[in-house]
Amino acid sequence: ETWPTYDSDEFLNFLLSEEAISQLDDPE
C-alpha cells in the first residue's frame, strides 16, 4: 500500500548540485 515516488523538480535540482556534479570524472 506504500510505494516509493520522487519529486522530479527535486531530482533535477540534485543534478544541478555540486554534490552530483563533483562525482563526474570530468565535471567541467
PDB file of all heavy atoms in Angstrom:
ATOM      1  N   GLU A   1       0.809  -1.214   0.000  1.00  0.00           N
ATOM      2  CA  GLU A   1       0.000   0.000   0.000  1.00  0.00           C
ATOM      3  C   GLU A   1       0.844   1.267   0.000  1.00  0.00           C
ATOM      4  O   GLU A   1       0.314   2.362  -0.131  1.00  0.00           O
ATOM      5  CB  GLU A   1      -0.947  -0.003   1.194  1.00  0.00           C
ATOM      6  CG  GLU A   1      -2.007  -1.088   1.082  1.00  0.00           C
ATOM      7  CD  GLU A   1      -3.017  -1.059   2.213  1.00  0.00           C
ATOM      8  OE1 GLU A   1      -2.919  -0.192   3.092  1.00  0.00           O
ATOM      9  OE2 GLU A   1      -3.905  -1.916   2.203  1.00  0.00           O
ATOM     10  N   THR A   2       2.146   1.136   0.166  1.00  0.00           N
ATOM     11  CA  THR A   2       3.024   2.297   0.142  1.00  0.00           C
ATOM     12  C   THR A   2       4.072   2.076  -0.939  1.00  0.00           C
ATOM     13  O   THR A   2       4.783   1.077  -0.926  1.00  0.00           O
ATOM     14  CB  THR A   2       3.711   2.508   1.504  1.00  0.00           C
ATOM     15  OG1 THR A   2       2.705   2.618   2.501  1.00  0.00           O
ATOM     16  CG2 THR A   2       4.537   3.766   1.501  1.00  0.00           C
ATOM     17  N   TRP A   3       4.149   3.016  -1.874  1.00  0.00           N
ATOM     18  CA  TRP A   3       5.067   2.910  -2.998  1.00  0.00           C
ATOM     19  C   TRP A   3       6.047   4.078  -2.966  1.00  0.00           C
ATOM     20  O   TRP A   3       5.680   5.194  -2.612  1.00  0.00           O
ATOM     21  CB  TRP A   3       4.291   2.972  -4.309  1.00  0.00           C
ATOM     22  CG  TRP A   3       3.296   1.867  -4.449  1.00  0.00           C
ATOM     23  CD1 TRP A   3       2.029   1.835  -3.939  1.00  0.00           C
ATOM     24  CD2 TRP A   3       3.479   0.631  -5.108  1.00  0.00           C
ATOM     25  NE1 TRP A   3       1.418   0.660  -4.259  1.00  0.00           N
ATOM     26  CE2 TRP A   3       2.284  -0.110  -4.985  1.00  0.00           C
ATOM     27  CE3 TRP A   3       4.536   0.070  -5.815  1.00  0.00           C
ATOM     28  CZ2 TRP A   3       2.131  -1.367  -5.529  1.00  0.00           C
ATOM     29  CZ3 TRP A   3       4.373  -1.187  -6.365  1.00  0.00           C
ATOM     30  CH2 TRP A   3       3.182  -1.889  -6.209  1.00  0.00           C
ATOM     31  N   PRO A   4       7.301   3.838  -3.364  1.00  0.00           N
ATOM     32  CA  PRO A   4       8.238   4.973  -3.432  1.00  0.00           C
ATOM     33  C   PRO A   4       7.967   5.815  -4.676  1.00  0.00           C
ATOM     34  O   PRO A   4       7.666   5.280  -5.744  1.00  0.00           O
ATOM     35  CB  PRO A   4       9.610   4.306  -3.521  1.00  0.00           C
ATOM     36  CG  PRO A   4       9.343   2.952  -4.093  1.00  0.00           C
ATOM     37  CD  PRO A   4       7.958   2.575  -3.649  1.00  0.00           C
ATOM     38  N   THR A   5       8.027   7.098  -4.530  1.00  0.00           N
ATOM     39  CA  THR A   5       7.897   8.019  -5.648  1.00  0.00           C
ATOM     40  C   THR A   5       8.904   9.134  -5.446  1.00  0.00           C
ATOM     41  O   THR A   5       9.520   9.226  -4.388  1.00  0.00           O
ATOM     42  CB  THR A   5       6.462   8.577  -5.752  1.00  0.00           C
ATOM     43  OG1 THR A   5       6.344   9.341  -6.943  1.00  0.00           O
ATOM     44  CG2 THR A   5       6.102   9.434  -4.566  1.00  0.00           C
ATOM     45  N   TYR A   6       9.123   9.935  -6.439  1.00  0.00           N
ATOM     46  CA  TYR A   6      10.092  11.017  -6.295  1.00  0.00           C
ATOM     47  C   TYR A   6       9.545  12.299  -6.889  1.00  0.00           C
ATOM     48  O   TYR A   6       8.661  12.292  -7.721  1.00  0.00           O
ATOM     49  CB  TYR A   6      11.437  10.658  -6.927  1.00  0.00           C
ATOM     50  CG  TYR A   6      11.437  10.636  -8.436  1.00  0.00           C
ATOM     51  CD1 TYR A   6      11.899  11.722  -9.160  1.00  0.00           C
ATOM     52  CD2 TYR A   6      10.965   9.539  -9.148  1.00  0.00           C
ATOM     53  CE1 TYR A   6      11.891  11.712 -10.543  1.00  0.00           C
ATOM     54  CE2 TYR A   6      10.959   9.526 -10.523  1.00  0.00           C
ATOM     55  CZ  TYR A   6      11.427  10.608 -11.216  1.00  0.00           C
ATOM     56  OH  TYR A   6      11.417  10.604 -12.575  1.00  0.00           O
ATOM     57  N   ASP A   7      10.102  13.396  -6.425  1.00  0.00           N
ATOM     58  CA  ASP A   7       9.746  14.730  -6.909  1.00  0.00           C
ATOM     59  C   ASP A   7      10.723  15.060  -8.038  1.00  0.00           C
ATOM     60  O   ASP A   7      11.919  15.205  -7.810  1.00  0.00           O
ATOM     61  CB  ASP A   7       9.874  15.724  -5.755  1.00  0.00           C
ATOM     62  CG  ASP A   7       9.492  17.127  -6.143  1.00  0.00           C
ATOM     63  OD1 ASP A   7       9.551  17.474  -7.342  1.00  0.00           O
ATOM     64  OD2 ASP A   7       9.141  17.899  -5.245  1.00  0.00           O
ATOM     65  N   SER A   8      10.233  15.178  -9.266  1.00  0.00           N
ATOM     66  CA  SER A   8      11.124  15.396 -10.411  1.00  0.00           C
ATOM     67  C   SER A   8      11.861  16.724 -10.319  1.00  0.00           C
ATOM     68  O   SER A   8      13.015  16.827 -10.737  1.00  0.00           O
ATOM     69  CB  SER A   8      10.355  15.284 -11.729  1.00  0.00           C
ATOM     70  OG  SER A   8       9.252  16.146 -11.718  1.00  0.00           O
ATOM     71  N   ASP A   9      11.233  17.757  -9.747  1.00  0.00           N
ATOM     72  CA  ASP A   9      11.932  19.035  -9.577  1.00  0.00           C
ATOM     73  C   ASP A   9      13.092  18.887  -8.596  1.00  0.00           C
ATOM     74  O   ASP A   9      14.175  19.422  -8.808  1.00  0.00           O
ATOM     75  CB  ASP A   9      10.975  20.117  -9.080  1.00  0.00           C
ATOM     76  CG  ASP A   9       9.979  20.534 -10.148  1.00  0.00           C
ATOM     77  OD1 ASP A   9      10.385  20.615 -11.326  1.00  0.00           O
ATOM     78  OD2 ASP A   9       8.813  20.770  -9.809  1.00  0.00           O
ATOM     79  N   GLU A  10      12.858  18.145  -7.532  1.00  0.00           N
ATOM     80  CA  GLU A  10      13.917  17.904  -6.551  1.00  0.00           C
ATOM     81  C   GLU A  10      15.061  17.103  -7.191  1.00  0.00           C
ATOM     82  O   GLU A  10      16.233  17.355  -6.920  1.00  0.00           O
ATOM     83  CB  GLU A  10      13.336  17.157  -5.358  1.00  0.00           C
ATOM     84  CG  GLU A  10      14.265  17.045  -4.178  1.00  0.00           C
ATOM     85  CD  GLU A  10      13.601  16.372  -2.984  1.00  0.00           C
ATOM     86  OE1 GLU A  10      12.353  16.284  -2.932  1.00  0.00           O
ATOM     87  OE2 GLU A  10      14.340  15.929  -2.097  1.00  0.00           O
ATOM     88  N   PHE A  11      14.719  16.155  -8.055  1.00  0.00           N
ATOM     89  CA  PHE A  11      15.732  15.357  -8.740  1.00  0.00           C
ATOM     90  C   PHE A  11      16.579  16.231  -9.663  1.00  0.00           C
ATOM     91  O   PHE A  11      17.812  16.133  -9.673  1.00  0.00           O
ATOM     92  CB  PHE A  11      15.064  14.221  -9.526  1.00  0.00           C
ATOM     93  CG  PHE A  11      16.035  13.388 -10.310  1.00  0.00           C
ATOM     94  CD1 PHE A  11      16.997  12.636  -9.681  1.00  0.00           C
ATOM     95  CD2 PHE A  11      15.974  13.364 -11.695  1.00  0.00           C
ATOM     96  CE1 PHE A  11      17.895  11.864 -10.398  1.00  0.00           C
ATOM     97  CE2 PHE A  11      16.864  12.600 -12.422  1.00  0.00           C
ATOM     98  CZ  PHE A  11      17.823  11.841 -11.769  1.00  0.00           C
ATOM     99  N   LEU A  12      15.930  17.098 -10.433  1.00  0.00           N
ATOM    100  CA  LEU A  12      16.684  17.983 -11.325  1.00  0.00           C
ATOM    101  C   LEU A  12      17.556  18.951 -10.529  1.00  0.00           C
ATOM    102  O   LEU A  12      18.690  19.243 -10.930  1.00  0.00           O
ATOM    103  CB  LEU A  12      15.743  18.749 -12.251  1.00  0.00           C
ATOM    104  CG  LEU A  12      15.056  17.895 -13.321  1.00  0.00           C
ATOM    105  CD1 LEU A  12      14.076  18.729 -14.118  1.00  0.00           C
ATOM    106  CD2 LEU A  12      16.057  17.238 -14.227  1.00  0.00           C
ATOM    107  N   ASN A  13      17.058  19.429  -9.401  1.00  0.00           N
ATOM    108  CA  ASN A  13      17.875  20.293  -8.544  1.00  0.00           C
ATOM    109  C   ASN A  13      19.089  19.545  -8.011  1.00  0.00           C
ATOM    110  O   ASN A  13      20.176  20.106  -7.894  1.00  0.00           O
ATOM    111  CB  ASN A  13      17.045  20.859  -7.393  1.00  0.00           C
ATOM    112  CG  ASN A  13      16.072  21.908  -7.861  1.00  0.00           C
ATOM    113  OD1 ASN A  13      16.282  22.555  -8.891  1.00  0.00           O
ATOM    114  ND2 ASN A  13      14.995  22.083  -7.127  1.00  0.00           N
ATOM    115  N   PHE A  14      18.909  18.262  -7.693  1.00  0.00           N
ATOM    116  CA  PHE A  14      20.046  17.454  -7.252  1.00  0.00           C
ATOM    117  C   PHE A  14      21.085  17.341  -8.367  1.00  0.00           C
ATOM    118  O   PHE A  14      22.284  17.447  -8.124  1.00  0.00           O
ATOM    119  CB  PHE A  14      19.596  16.057  -6.805  1.00  0.00           C
ATOM    120  CG  PHE A  14      20.746  15.116  -6.606  1.00  0.00           C
ATOM    121  CD1 PHE A  14      21.587  15.245  -5.504  1.00  0.00           C
ATOM    122  CD2 PHE A  14      21.017  14.120  -7.526  1.00  0.00           C
ATOM    123  CE1 PHE A  14      22.668  14.394  -5.324  1.00  0.00           C
ATOM    124  CE2 PHE A  14      22.086  13.265  -7.355  1.00  0.00           C
ATOM    125  CZ  PHE A  14      22.917  13.402  -6.253  1.00  0.00           C
ATOM    126  N   LEU A  15      20.621  17.125  -9.601  1.00  0.00           N
ATOM    127  CA  LEU A  15      21.562  17.009 -10.720  1.00  0.00           C
ATOM    128  C   LEU A  15      22.364  18.287 -10.918  1.00  0.00           C
ATOM    129  O   LEU A  15      23.490  18.247 -11.408  1.00  0.00           O
ATOM    130  CB  LEU A  15      20.820  16.654 -12.008  1.00  0.00           C
ATOM    131  CG  LEU A  15      20.192  15.270 -12.068  1.00  0.00           C
ATOM    132  CD1 LEU A  15      19.443  15.086 -13.377  1.00  0.00           C
ATOM    133  CD2 LEU A  15      21.226  14.177 -11.883  1.00  0.00           C
ATOM    134  N   LEU A  16      21.800  19.426 -10.526  1.00  0.00           N
ATOM    135  CA  LEU A  16      22.495  20.706 -10.639  1.00  0.00           C
ATOM    136  C   LEU A  16      23.408  20.987  -9.450  1.00  0.00           C
ATOM    137  O   LEU A  16      24.187  21.942  -9.483  1.00  0.00           O
ATOM    138  CB  LEU A  16      21.482  21.853 -10.756  1.00  0.00           C
ATOM    139  CG  LEU A  16      20.694  21.911 -12.054  1.00  0.00           C
ATOM    140  CD1 LEU A  16      19.570  22.918 -11.942  1.00  0.00           C
ATOM    141  CD2 LEU A  16      21.609  22.242 -13.216  1.00  0.00           C
ATOM    142  N   SER A  17      23.324  20.174  -8.421  1.00  0.00           N
ATOM    143  CA  SER A  17      24.093  20.435  -7.205  1.00  0.00           C
ATOM    144  C   SER A  17      25.570  20.081  -7.398  1.00  0.00           C
ATOM    145  O   SER A  17      25.932  19.224  -8.201  1.00  0.00           O
ATOM    146  CB  SER A  17      23.526  19.636  -6.031  1.00  0.00           C
ATOM    147  OG  SER A  17      23.841  18.261  -6.158  1.00  0.00           O
ATOM    148  N   GLU A  18      26.387  20.756  -6.634  1.00  0.00           N
ATOM    149  CA  GLU A  18      27.823  20.474  -6.676  1.00  0.00           C
ATOM    150  C   GLU A  18      28.098  19.048  -6.216  1.00  0.00           C
ATOM    151  O   GLU A  18      29.038  18.408  -6.700  1.00  0.00           O
ATOM    152  CB  GLU A  18      28.577  21.486  -5.802  1.00  0.00           C
ATOM    153  CG  GLU A  18      30.077  21.397  -5.926  1.00  0.00           C
ATOM    154  CD  GLU A  18      30.591  21.551  -7.363  1.00  0.00           C
ATOM    155  OE1 GLU A  18      30.000  22.303  -8.152  1.00  0.00           O
ATOM    156  OE2 GLU A  18      31.606  20.900  -7.693  1.00  0.00           O
ATOM    157  N   GLU A  19      27.274  18.543  -5.312  1.00  0.00           N
ATOM    158  CA  GLU A  19      27.433  17.159  -4.835  1.00  0.00           C
ATOM    159  C   GLU A  19      27.352  16.169  -6.002  1.00  0.00           C
ATOM    160  O   GLU A  19      28.159  15.249  -6.110  1.00  0.00           O
ATOM    161  CB  GLU A  19      26.349  16.849  -3.807  1.00  0.00           C
ATOM    162  CG  GLU A  19      26.366  15.426  -3.293  1.00  0.00           C
ATOM    163  CD  GLU A  19      25.171  15.099  -2.410  1.00  0.00           C
ATOM    164  OE1 GLU A  19      24.329  15.979  -2.168  1.00  0.00           O
ATOM    165  OE2 GLU A  19      25.098  13.943  -1.970  1.00  0.00           O
ATOM    166  N   ALA A  20      26.388  16.354  -6.881  1.00  0.00           N
ATOM    167  CA  ALA A  20      26.220  15.447  -8.019  1.00  0.00           C
ATOM    168  C   ALA A  20      27.277  15.701  -9.088  1.00  0.00           C
ATOM    169  O   ALA A  20      27.869  14.764  -9.621  1.00  0.00           O
ATOM    170  CB  ALA A  20      24.827  15.601  -8.614  1.00  0.00           C
ATOM    171  N   ILE A  21      27.515  16.969  -9.407  1.00  0.00           N
ATOM    172  CA  ILE A  21      28.454  17.307 -10.483  1.00  0.00           C
ATOM    173  C   ILE A  21      29.875  16.874 -10.134  1.00  0.00           C
ATOM    174  O   ILE A  21      30.611  16.380 -10.988  1.00  0.00           O
ATOM    175  CB  ILE A  21      28.392  18.816 -10.781  1.00  0.00           C
ATOM    176  CG1 ILE A  21      27.008  19.161 -11.338  1.00  0.00           C
ATOM    177  CG2 ILE A  21      29.472  19.238 -11.759  1.00  0.00           C
ATOM    178  CD1 ILE A  21      26.731  20.638 -11.435  1.00  0.00           C
ATOM    179  N   SER A  22      30.264  17.017  -8.878  1.00  0.00           N
ATOM    180  CA  SER A  22      31.631  16.681  -8.491  1.00  0.00           C
ATOM    181  C   SER A  22      31.914  15.177  -8.560  1.00  0.00           C
ATOM    182  O   SER A  22      33.067  14.762  -8.521  1.00  0.00           O
ATOM    183  CB  SER A  22      31.927  17.203  -7.084  1.00  0.00           C
ATOM    184  OG  SER A  22      31.100  16.568  -6.136  1.00  0.00           O
ATOM    185  N   GLN A  23      30.895  14.355  -8.694  1.00  0.00           N
ATOM    186  CA  GLN A  23      31.092  12.908  -8.800  1.00  0.00           C
ATOM    187  C   GLN A  23      31.456  12.473 -10.220  1.00  0.00           C
ATOM    188  O   GLN A  23      31.858  11.332 -10.429  1.00  0.00           O
ATOM    189  CB  GLN A  23      29.832  12.174  -8.346  1.00  0.00           C
ATOM    190  CG  GLN A  23      29.534  12.353  -6.877  1.00  0.00           C
ATOM    191  CD  GLN A  23      28.289  11.609  -6.457  1.00  0.00           C
ATOM    192  OE1 GLN A  23      28.024  10.510  -6.933  1.00  0.00           O
ATOM    193  NE2 GLN A  23      27.514  12.198  -5.572  1.00  0.00           N
ATOM    194  N   LEU A  24      31.329  13.367 -11.173  1.00  0.00           N
ATOM    195  CA  LEU A  24      31.662  13.038 -12.562  1.00  0.00           C
ATOM    196  C   LEU A  24      33.168  12.969 -12.747  1.00  0.00           C
ATOM    197  O   LEU A  24      33.929  13.652 -12.058  1.00  0.00           O
ATOM    198  CB  LEU A  24      31.068  14.093 -13.504  1.00  0.00           C
ATOM    199  CG  LEU A  24      29.548  14.227 -13.480  1.00  0.00           C
ATOM    200  CD1 LEU A  24      29.120  15.452 -14.271  1.00  0.00           C
ATOM    201  CD2 LEU A  24      28.899  12.977 -14.028  1.00  0.00           C
ATOM    202  N   ASP A  25      33.609  12.154 -13.694  1.00  0.00           N
ATOM    203  CA  ASP A  25      35.038  12.058 -13.989  1.00  0.00           C
ATOM    204  C   ASP A  25      35.589  13.394 -14.476  1.00  0.00           C
ATOM    205  O   ASP A  25      36.700  13.773 -14.137  1.00  0.00           O
ATOM    206  CB  ASP A  25      35.306  10.966 -15.041  1.00  0.00           C
ATOM    207  CG  ASP A  25      35.052   9.574 -14.485  1.00  0.00           C
ATOM    208  OD1 ASP A  25      35.163   9.392 -13.248  1.00  0.00           O
ATOM    209  OD2 ASP A  25      34.738   8.672 -15.283  1.00  0.00           O
ATOM    210  N   ASP A  26      34.814  14.076 -15.311  1.00  0.00           N
ATOM    211  CA  ASP A  26      35.222  15.381 -15.828  1.00  0.00           C
ATOM    212  C   ASP A  26      34.041  16.341 -15.677  1.00  0.00           C
ATOM    213  O   ASP A  26      33.232  16.495 -16.597  1.00  0.00           O
ATOM    214  CB  ASP A  26      35.645  15.249 -17.294  1.00  0.00           C
ATOM    215  CG  ASP A  26      36.216  16.539 -17.851  1.00  0.00           C
ATOM    216  OD1 ASP A  26      36.467  17.489 -17.062  1.00  0.00           O
ATOM    217  OD2 ASP A  26      36.418  16.609 -19.076  1.00  0.00           O
ATOM    218  N   PRO A  27      33.914  17.005 -14.540  1.00  0.00           N
ATOM    219  CA  PRO A  27      32.738  17.839 -14.292  1.00  0.00           C
ATOM    220  C   PRO A  27      32.731  19.185 -15.022  1.00  0.00           C
ATOM    221  O   PRO A  27      31.674  19.810 -15.139  1.00  0.00           O
ATOM    222  CB  PRO A  27      32.775  18.062 -12.775  1.00  0.00           C
ATOM    223  CG  PRO A  27      34.194  17.892 -12.393  1.00  0.00           C
ATOM    224  CD  PRO A  27      34.777  16.913 -13.369  1.00  0.00           C
ATOM    225  N   GLU A  28      33.857  19.624 -15.542  1.00  0.00           N
ATOM    226  CA  GLU A  28      33.916  20.956 -16.153  1.00  0.00           C
ATOM    227  C   GLU A  28      32.968  21.152 -17.333  1.00  0.00           C
ATOM    228  O   GLU A  28      32.323  22.191 -17.437  1.00  0.00           O
ATOM    229  CB  GLU A  28      35.352  21.316 -16.539  1.00  0.00           C
ATOM    230  CG  GLU A  28      36.213  21.661 -15.341  1.00  0.00           C
ATOM    231  CD  GLU A  28      35.544  22.664 -14.394  1.00  0.00           C
ATOM    232  OE1 GLU A  28      35.058  23.722 -14.862  1.00  0.00           O
ATOM    233  OE2 GLU A  28      35.506  22.381 -13.190  1.00  0.00           O
TER     234      GLU A  28
END
